[in-house]
C-alpha cells in the first residue's frame, strides 16, 4: 500500500483514497525491486509481478514470489504467459 493507492484486494482491510486491480506481468529480464530509492530484491526473468500503477517508466506493485511491494523498470515487464 502507498498513501495514495492500495491493491483492491485489500479494500476490506485498509483505507486508501484509490484502489487498483492488479495486472499480472512477468519479468522479461533481471531487474531490481526498489522501495523508494533502495533496492530490496533482485527479480529474475519469468517472475510474476502484479502491477498496480505505472508512472514515469516505473511500475509499482507486488513481486508475487517475494511478497514485497516496490517499483521496477516498466520496460522489464511483459504480458504474463
PDB file of N, CA and C in Angstrom:
ATOM      1  N   UNK A   1       0.841  -1.186   0.000  1.00  0.00           N
ATOM      2  CA  UNK A   1       0.000   0.000   0.000  1.00  0.00           C
ATOM      3  C   UNK A   1       0.882   1.243   0.000  1.00  0.00           C
ATOM      4  N   UNK A   2       0.487   2.223  -0.807  1.00  0.00           N
ATOM      5  CA  UNK A   2       1.080   3.555  -0.762  1.00  0.00           C
ATOM      6  C   UNK A   2       0.064   4.457  -0.083  1.00  0.00           C
ATOM      7  N   UNK A   3       0.457   5.637   0.342  1.00  0.00           N
ATOM      8  CA  UNK A   3      -0.523   6.540   0.963  1.00  0.00           C
ATOM      9  C   UNK A   3      -1.681   6.902   0.041  1.00  0.00           C
ATOM     10  N   UNK A   4      -1.436   6.864  -1.283  1.00  0.00           N
ATOM     11  CA  UNK A   4      -2.466   7.280  -2.234  1.00  0.00           C
ATOM     12  C   UNK A   4      -3.146   6.128  -2.964  1.00  0.00           C
ATOM     13  N   UNK A   5      -2.634   4.899  -2.827  1.00  0.00           N
ATOM     14  CA  UNK A   5      -3.132   3.791  -3.636  1.00  0.00           C
ATOM     15  C   UNK A   5      -2.909   2.462  -2.928  1.00  0.00           C
ATOM     16  N   UNK A   6      -3.901   1.582  -3.042  1.00  0.00           N
ATOM     17  CA  UNK A   6      -3.775   0.241  -2.469  1.00  0.00           C
ATOM     18  C   UNK A   6      -4.360  -0.784  -3.428  1.00  0.00           C
ATOM     19  N   UNK A   7      -3.927  -2.001  -3.272  1.00  0.00           N
ATOM     20  CA  UNK A   7      -4.456  -3.133  -4.028  1.00  0.00           C
ATOM     21  C   UNK A   7      -5.939  -3.286  -3.683  1.00  0.00           C
ATOM     22  N   UNK A   8      -6.793  -3.416  -4.677  1.00  0.00           N
ATOM     23  CA  UNK A   8      -8.236  -3.543  -4.455  1.00  0.00           C
ATOM     24  C   UNK A   8      -8.571  -4.766  -3.608  1.00  0.00           C
ATOM     25  N   UNK A   9      -7.693  -5.782  -3.616  1.00  0.00           N
ATOM     26  CA  UNK A   9      -7.927  -6.973  -2.797  1.00  0.00           C
ATOM     27  C   UNK A   9      -7.827  -6.675  -1.303  1.00  0.00           C
ATOM     28  N   UNK A  10      -7.322  -5.488  -0.949  1.00  0.00           N
ATOM     29  CA  UNK A  10      -7.199  -5.088   0.457  1.00  0.00           C
ATOM     30  C   UNK A  10      -8.297  -4.126   0.895  1.00  0.00           C
ATOM     31  N   UNK A  11      -9.251  -3.842   0.029  1.00  0.00           N
ATOM     32  CA  UNK A  11     -10.263  -2.814   0.305  1.00  0.00           C
ATOM     33  C   UNK A  11     -11.063  -3.080   1.573  1.00  0.00           C
ATOM     34  N   UNK A  12     -11.239  -4.334   1.941  1.00  0.00           N
ATOM     35  CA  UNK A  12     -11.995  -4.636   3.161  1.00  0.00           C
ATOM     36  C   UNK A  12     -11.138  -4.531   4.426  1.00  0.00           C
ATOM     37  N   UNK A  13      -9.814  -4.291   4.250  1.00  0.00           N
ATOM     38  CA  UNK A  13      -8.916  -4.234   5.406  1.00  0.00           C
ATOM     39  C   UNK A  13      -8.200  -2.915   5.603  1.00  0.00           C
ATOM     40  N   UNK A  14      -8.000  -2.148   4.513  1.00  0.00           N
ATOM     41  CA  UNK A  14      -7.284  -0.879   4.623  1.00  0.00           C
ATOM     42  C   UNK A  14      -8.041   0.206   3.869  1.00  0.00           C
ATOM     43  N   UNK A  15      -7.881   1.445   4.338  1.00  0.00           N
ATOM     44  CA  UNK A  15      -8.476   2.579   3.640  1.00  0.00           C
ATOM     45  C   UNK A  15      -7.397   3.236   2.786  1.00  0.00           C
ATOM     46  N   UNK A  16      -7.748   3.573   1.565  1.00  0.00           N
ATOM     47  CA  UNK A  16      -6.876   4.340   0.679  1.00  0.00           C
ATOM     48  C   UNK A  16      -7.759   5.234  -0.182  1.00  0.00           C
ATOM     49  N   UNK A  17      -7.244   6.381  -0.602  1.00  0.00           N
ATOM     50  CA  UNK A  17      -8.034   7.252  -1.476  1.00  0.00           C
ATOM     51  C   UNK A  17      -8.404   6.585  -2.800  1.00  0.00           C
ATOM     52  N   UNK A  18      -7.530   5.678  -3.271  1.00  0.00           N
ATOM     53  CA  UNK A  18      -7.768   4.984  -4.537  1.00  0.00           C
ATOM     54  C   UNK A  18      -7.348   3.528  -4.406  1.00  0.00           C
ATOM     55  N   UNK A  19      -8.029   2.669  -5.151  1.00  0.00           N
ATOM     56  CA  UNK A  19      -7.696   1.245  -5.210  1.00  0.00           C
ATOM     57  C   UNK A  19      -7.483   0.870  -6.669  1.00  0.00           C
ATOM     58  N   UNK A  20      -6.632  -0.115  -6.901  1.00  0.00           N
ATOM     59  CA  UNK A  20      -6.383  -0.597  -8.260  1.00  0.00           C
ATOM     60  C   UNK A  20      -6.423  -2.120  -8.264  1.00  0.00           C
ATOM     61  N   UNK A  21      -6.953  -2.660  -9.354  1.00  0.00           N
ATOM     62  CA  UNK A  21      -6.901  -4.104  -9.557  1.00  0.00           C
ATOM     63  C   UNK A  21      -5.534  -4.443 -10.147  1.00  0.00           C
ATOM     64  N   UNK A  22      -4.863  -5.442  -9.613  1.00  0.00           N
ATOM     65  CA  UNK A  22      -3.540  -5.781 -10.140  1.00  0.00           C
ATOM     66  C   UNK A  22      -3.621  -6.376 -11.535  1.00  0.00           C
ATOM     67  N   UNK A  23      -2.605  -6.072 -12.332  1.00  0.00           N
ATOM     68  CA  UNK A  23      -2.454  -6.639 -13.674  1.00  0.00           C
ATOM     69  C   UNK A  23      -1.184  -7.478 -13.645  1.00  0.00           C
ATOM     70  N   UNK A  24      -1.327  -8.772 -13.857  1.00  0.00           N
ATOM     71  CA  UNK A  24      -0.177  -9.686 -13.786  1.00  0.00           C
ATOM     72  C   UNK A  24       0.733  -9.492 -14.996  1.00  0.00           C
ATOM     73  N   UNK A  25       2.010  -9.302 -14.713  1.00  0.00           N
ATOM     74  CA  UNK A  25       3.059  -9.204 -15.722  1.00  0.00           C
ATOM     75  C   UNK A  25       4.178 -10.157 -15.308  1.00  0.00           C
ATOM     76  N   UNK A  26       5.109 -10.374 -16.235  1.00  0.00           N
ATOM     77  CA  UNK A  26       6.250 -11.243 -15.996  1.00  0.00           C
ATOM     78  C   UNK A  26       7.520 -10.468 -16.304  1.00  0.00           C
ATOM     79  N   UNK A  27       8.575 -10.712 -15.540  1.00  0.00           N
ATOM     80  CA  UNK A  27       9.848 -10.070 -15.803  1.00  0.00           C
ATOM     81  C   UNK A  27      10.454 -10.664 -17.070  1.00  0.00           C
ATOM     82  N   UNK A  28      10.813  -9.808 -18.013  1.00  0.00           N
ATOM     83  CA  UNK A  28      11.436 -10.247 -19.258  1.00  0.00           C
ATOM     84  C   UNK A  28      12.949 -10.377 -19.096  1.00  0.00           C
ATOM     85  N   UNK A  29      13.515  -9.587 -18.190  1.00  0.00           N
ATOM     86  CA  UNK A  29      14.944  -9.653 -17.896  1.00  0.00           C
ATOM     87  C   UNK A  29      15.153  -9.239 -16.450  1.00  0.00           C
ATOM     88  N   UNK A  30      16.315  -9.522 -15.872  1.00  0.00           N
ATOM     89  CA  UNK A  30      16.547  -9.194 -14.456  1.00  0.00           C
ATOM     90  C   UNK A  30      16.356  -7.707 -14.187  1.00  0.00           C
ATOM     91  N   UNK A  31      15.788  -7.406 -13.022  1.00  0.00           N
ATOM     92  CA  UNK A  31      15.572  -6.015 -12.627  1.00  0.00           C
ATOM     93  C   UNK A  31      15.497  -5.941 -11.108  1.00  0.00           C
ATOM     94  N   UNK A  32      16.008  -4.854 -10.530  1.00  0.00           N
ATOM     95  CA  UNK A  32      15.877  -4.699  -9.085  1.00  0.00           C
ATOM     96  C   UNK A  32      14.468  -4.236  -8.715  1.00  0.00           C
ATOM     97  N   UNK A  33      13.989  -4.685  -7.581  1.00  0.00           N
ATOM     98  CA  UNK A  33      12.761  -4.166  -6.979  1.00  0.00           C
ATOM     99  C   UNK A  33      13.211  -3.101  -5.998  1.00  0.00           C
ATOM    100  N   UNK A  34      12.710  -1.892  -6.173  1.00  0.00           N
ATOM    101  CA  UNK A  34      13.169  -0.745  -5.395  1.00  0.00           C
ATOM    102  C   UNK A  34      12.043  -0.215  -4.520  1.00  0.00           C
ATOM    103  N   UNK A  35      12.368   0.046  -3.261  1.00  0.00           N
ATOM    104  CA  UNK A  35      11.431   0.664  -2.325  1.00  0.00           C
ATOM    105  C   UNK A  35      11.924   2.086  -2.097  1.00  0.00           C
ATOM    106  N   UNK A  36      11.313   3.045  -2.782  1.00  0.00           N
ATOM    107  CA  UNK A  36      11.822   4.420  -2.728  1.00  0.00           C
ATOM    108  C   UNK A  36      13.058   4.507  -3.588  1.00  0.00           C
ATOM    109  N   UNK A  37      14.238   4.552  -2.960  1.00  0.00           N
ATOM    110  CA  UNK A  37      15.485   4.617  -3.717  1.00  0.00           C
ATOM    111  C   UNK A  37      16.405   3.426  -3.449  1.00  0.00           C
ATOM    112  N   UNK A  38      16.059   2.568  -2.485  1.00  0.00           N
ATOM    113  CA  UNK A  38      16.922   1.444  -2.125  1.00  0.00           C
ATOM    114  C   UNK A  38      16.411   0.129  -2.709  1.00  0.00           C
ATOM    115  N   UNK A  39      17.293  -0.647  -3.352  1.00  0.00           N
ATOM    116  CA  UNK A  39      16.883  -1.966  -3.841  1.00  0.00           C
ATOM    117  C   UNK A  39      16.553  -2.887  -2.662  1.00  0.00           C
ATOM    118  N   UNK A  40      15.465  -3.653  -2.799  1.00  0.00           N
ATOM    119  CA  UNK A  40      15.070  -4.583  -1.735  1.00  0.00           C
ATOM    120  C   UNK A  40      15.101  -6.032  -2.201  1.00  0.00           C
ATOM    121  N   UNK A  41      15.155  -6.266  -3.518  1.00  0.00           N
ATOM    122  CA  UNK A  41      15.231  -7.630  -4.055  1.00  0.00           C
ATOM    123  C   UNK A  41      15.698  -7.567  -5.501  1.00  0.00           C
ATOM    124  N   UNK A  42      16.272  -8.665  -5.949  1.00  0.00           N
ATOM    125  CA  UNK A  42      16.649  -8.813  -7.355  1.00  0.00           C
ATOM    126  C   UNK A  42      15.639  -9.756  -7.990  1.00  0.00           C
ATOM    127  N   UNK A  43      14.897  -9.257  -8.968  1.00  0.00           N
ATOM    128  CA  UNK A  43      13.892 -10.078  -9.637  1.00  0.00           C
ATOM    129  C   UNK A  43      14.497 -10.697 -10.882  1.00  0.00           C
ATOM    130  N   UNK A  44      14.128 -11.937 -11.132  1.00  0.00           N
ATOM    131  CA  UNK A  44      14.690 -12.700 -12.245  1.00  0.00           C
ATOM    132  C   UNK A  44      13.680 -12.873 -13.368  1.00  0.00           C
ATOM    133  N   UNK A  45      14.151 -13.136 -14.579  1.00  0.00           N
ATOM    134  CA  UNK A  45      13.240 -13.370 -15.702  1.00  0.00           C
ATOM    135  C   UNK A  45      12.249 -14.493 -15.378  1.00  0.00           C
ATOM    136  N   UNK A  46      11.005 -14.279 -15.770  1.00  0.00           N
ATOM    137  CA  UNK A  46       9.955 -15.259 -15.530  1.00  0.00           C
ATOM    138  C   UNK A  46       9.190 -15.049 -14.244  1.00  0.00           C
ATOM    139  N   UNK A  47       9.706 -14.214 -13.333  1.00  0.00           N
ATOM    140  CA  UNK A  47       8.991 -13.965 -12.076  1.00  0.00           C
ATOM    141  C   UNK A  47       7.743 -13.129 -12.333  1.00  0.00           C
ATOM    142  N   UNK A  48       6.690 -13.433 -11.586  1.00  0.00           N
ATOM    143  CA  UNK A  48       5.425 -12.706 -11.695  1.00  0.00           C
ATOM    144  C   UNK A  48       5.487 -11.409 -10.898  1.00  0.00           C
ATOM    145  N   UNK A  49       4.886 -10.363 -11.476  1.00  0.00           N
ATOM    146  CA  UNK A  49       4.815  -9.055 -10.821  1.00  0.00           C
ATOM    147  C   UNK A  49       3.420  -8.498 -11.063  1.00  0.00           C
ATOM    148  N   UNK A  50       2.693  -8.200  -9.991  1.00  0.00           N
ATOM    149  CA  UNK A  50       1.344  -7.637 -10.100  1.00  0.00           C
ATOM    150  C   UNK A  50       1.433  -6.116 -10.098  1.00  0.00           C
ATOM    151  N   UNK A  51       1.172  -5.507 -11.254  1.00  0.00           N
ATOM    152  CA  UNK A  51       1.290  -4.057 -11.434  1.00  0.00           C
ATOM    153  C   UNK A  51       0.020  -3.360 -10.947  1.00  0.00           C
ATOM    154  N   UNK A  52       0.205  -2.336 -10.126  1.00  0.00           N
ATOM    155  CA  UNK A  52      -0.907  -1.520  -9.646  1.00  0.00           C
ATOM    156  C   UNK A  52      -0.875  -0.103 -10.210  1.00  0.00           C
ATOM    157  N   UNK A  53       0.299   0.362 -10.652  1.00  0.00           N
ATOM    158  CA  UNK A  53       0.429   1.714 -11.194  1.00  0.00           C
ATOM    159  C   UNK A  53       1.694   1.793 -12.037  1.00  0.00           C
ATOM    160  N   UNK A  54       1.631   2.552 -13.113  1.00  0.00           N
ATOM    161  CA  UNK A  54       2.811   2.824 -13.941  1.00  0.00           C
ATOM    162  C   UNK A  54       2.897   4.331 -14.128  1.00  0.00           C
ATOM    163  N   UNK A  55       4.033   4.892 -13.716  1.00  0.00           N
ATOM    164  CA  UNK A  55       4.259   6.329 -13.834  1.00  0.00           C
ATOM    165  C   UNK A  55       5.731   6.570 -14.112  1.00  0.00           C
ATOM    166  N   UNK A  56       6.008   7.412 -15.089  1.00  0.00           N
ATOM    167  CA  UNK A  56       7.385   7.796 -15.359  1.00  0.00           C
ATOM    168  C   UNK A  56       8.302   6.634 -15.673  1.00  0.00           C
ATOM    169  N   UNK A  57       7.807   5.610 -16.330  1.00  0.00           N
ATOM    170  CA  UNK A  57       8.642   4.477 -16.701  1.00  0.00           C
ATOM    171  C   UNK A  57       8.882   3.468 -15.605  1.00  0.00           C
ATOM    172  N   UNK A  58       8.254   3.695 -14.441  1.00  0.00           N
ATOM    173  CA  UNK A  58       8.383   2.743 -13.327  1.00  0.00           C
ATOM    174  C   UNK A  58       7.022   2.145 -13.012  1.00  0.00           C
ATOM    175  N   UNK A  59       7.014   0.847 -12.754  1.00  0.00           N
ATOM    176  CA  UNK A  59       5.783   0.155 -12.374  1.00  0.00           C
ATOM    177  C   UNK A  59       5.833  -0.120 -10.879  1.00  0.00           C
ATOM    178  N   UNK A  60       4.748   0.211 -10.196  1.00  0.00           N
ATOM    179  CA  UNK A  60       4.642  -0.054  -8.762  1.00  0.00           C
ATOM    180  C   UNK A  60       3.704  -1.223  -8.566  1.00  0.00           C
ATOM    181  N   UNK A  61       4.121  -2.167  -7.733  1.00  0.00           N
ATOM    182  CA  UNK A  61       3.273  -3.321  -7.493  1.00  0.00           C
ATOM    183  C   UNK A  61       3.924  -4.320  -6.571  1.00  0.00           C
ATOM    184  N   UNK A  62       3.542  -5.586  -6.751  1.00  0.00           N
ATOM    185  CA  UNK A  62       3.920  -6.652  -5.834  1.00  0.00           C
ATOM    186  C   UNK A  62       4.728  -7.715  -6.571  1.00  0.00           C
ATOM    187  N   UNK A  63       5.919  -8.003  -6.055  1.00  0.00           N
ATOM    188  CA  UNK A  63       6.707  -9.134  -6.550  1.00  0.00           C
ATOM    189  C   UNK A  63       6.086 -10.383  -5.918  1.00  0.00           C
ATOM    190  N   UNK A  64       5.346 -11.131  -6.694  1.00  0.00           N
ATOM    191  CA  UNK A  64       4.498 -12.207  -6.180  1.00  0.00           C
ATOM    192  C   UNK A  64       5.288 -13.238  -5.380  1.00  0.00           C
ATOM    193  N   UNK A  65       6.392 -13.725  -5.896  1.00  0.00           N
ATOM    194  CA  UNK A  65       7.160 -14.774  -5.216  1.00  0.00           C
ATOM    195  C   UNK A  65       7.762 -14.296  -3.894  1.00  0.00           C
ATOM    196  N   UNK A  66       8.067 -13.010  -3.813  1.00  0.00           N
ATOM    197  CA  UNK A  66       8.710 -12.460  -2.619  1.00  0.00           C
ATOM    198  C   UNK A  66       7.707 -11.865  -1.635  1.00  0.00           C
ATOM    199  N   UNK A  67       6.529 -11.493  -2.144  1.00  0.00           N
ATOM    200  CA  UNK A  67       5.554 -10.825  -1.295  1.00  0.00           C
ATOM    201  C   UNK A  67       5.961  -9.406  -0.945  1.00  0.00           C
ATOM    202  N   UNK A  68       6.870  -8.839  -1.723  1.00  0.00           N
ATOM    203  CA  UNK A  68       7.366  -7.489  -1.468  1.00  0.00           C
ATOM    204  C   UNK A  68       6.736  -6.493  -2.422  1.00  0.00           C
ATOM    205  N   UNK A  69       6.582  -5.262  -1.944  1.00  0.00           N
ATOM    206  CA  UNK A  69       5.997  -4.186  -2.734  1.00  0.00           C
ATOM    207  C   UNK A  69       7.089  -3.185  -3.083  1.00  0.00           C
ATOM    208  N   UNK A  70       7.050  -2.698  -4.324  1.00  0.00           N
ATOM    209  CA  UNK A  70       8.022  -1.697  -4.725  1.00  0.00           C
ATOM    210  C   UNK A  70       7.904  -1.381  -6.197  1.00  0.00           C
ATOM    211  N   UNK A  71       8.935  -0.731  -6.707  1.00  0.00           N
ATOM    212  CA  UNK A  71       8.977  -0.284  -8.103  1.00  0.00           C
ATOM    213  C   UNK A  71       9.961  -1.137  -8.908  1.00  0.00           C
ATOM    214  N   UNK A  72       9.617  -1.387 -10.162  1.00  0.00           N
ATOM    215  CA  UNK A  72      10.549  -1.976 -11.129  1.00  0.00           C
ATOM    216  C   UNK A  72      10.483  -1.137 -12.398  1.00  0.00           C
ATOM    217  N   UNK A  73      11.511  -1.262 -13.198  1.00  0.00           N
ATOM    218  CA  UNK A  73      11.538  -0.604 -14.502  1.00  0.00           C
ATOM    219  C   UNK A  73      10.419  -1.207 -15.346  1.00  0.00           C
ATOM    220  N   UNK A  74       9.481  -0.391 -15.810  1.00  0.00           N
ATOM    221  CA  UNK A  74       8.341  -0.892 -16.582  1.00  0.00           C
ATOM    222  C   UNK A  74       8.793  -1.594 -17.864  1.00  0.00           C
ATOM    223  N   UNK A  75       9.943  -1.210 -18.404  1.00  0.00           N
ATOM    224  CA  UNK A  75      10.458  -1.842 -19.614  1.00  0.00           C
ATOM    225  C   UNK A  75      10.872  -3.288 -19.374  1.00  0.00           C
ATOM    226  N   UNK A  76      11.080  -3.675 -18.119  1.00  0.00           N
ATOM    227  CA  UNK A  76      11.474  -5.048 -17.789  1.00  0.00           C
ATOM    228  C   UNK A  76      10.276  -6.004 -17.770  1.00  0.00           C
ATOM    229  N   UNK A  77       9.068  -5.464 -17.901  1.00  0.00           N
ATOM    230  CA  UNK A  77       7.862  -6.285 -17.787  1.00  0.00           C
ATOM    231  C   UNK A  77       7.261  -6.611 -19.151  1.00  0.00           C
ATOM    232  N   UNK A  78       6.704  -7.806 -19.226  1.00  0.00           N
ATOM    233  CA  UNK A  78       5.969  -8.227 -20.427  1.00  0.00           C
ATOM    234  C   UNK A  78       4.669  -8.896 -19.994  1.00  0.00           C
ATOM    235  N   UNK A  79       3.770  -9.080 -20.933  1.00  0.00           N
ATOM    236  CA  UNK A  79       2.498  -9.731 -20.617  1.00  0.00           C
ATOM    237  C   UNK A  79       2.765 -11.115 -20.038  1.00  0.00           C
ATOM    238  N   UNK A  80       2.012 -11.476 -19.019  1.00  0.00           N
ATOM    239  CA  UNK A  80       2.172 -12.781 -18.387  1.00  0.00           C
ATOM    240  C   UNK A  80       1.740 -13.877 -19.357  1.00  0.00           C
ATOM    241  N   UNK A  81       2.453 -14.982 -19.300  1.00  0.00           N
ATOM    242  CA  UNK A  81       2.105 -16.100 -20.181  1.00  0.00           C
ATOM    243  C   UNK A  81       1.427 -17.205 -19.418  1.00  0.00           C
TER     244      UNK A  81
END
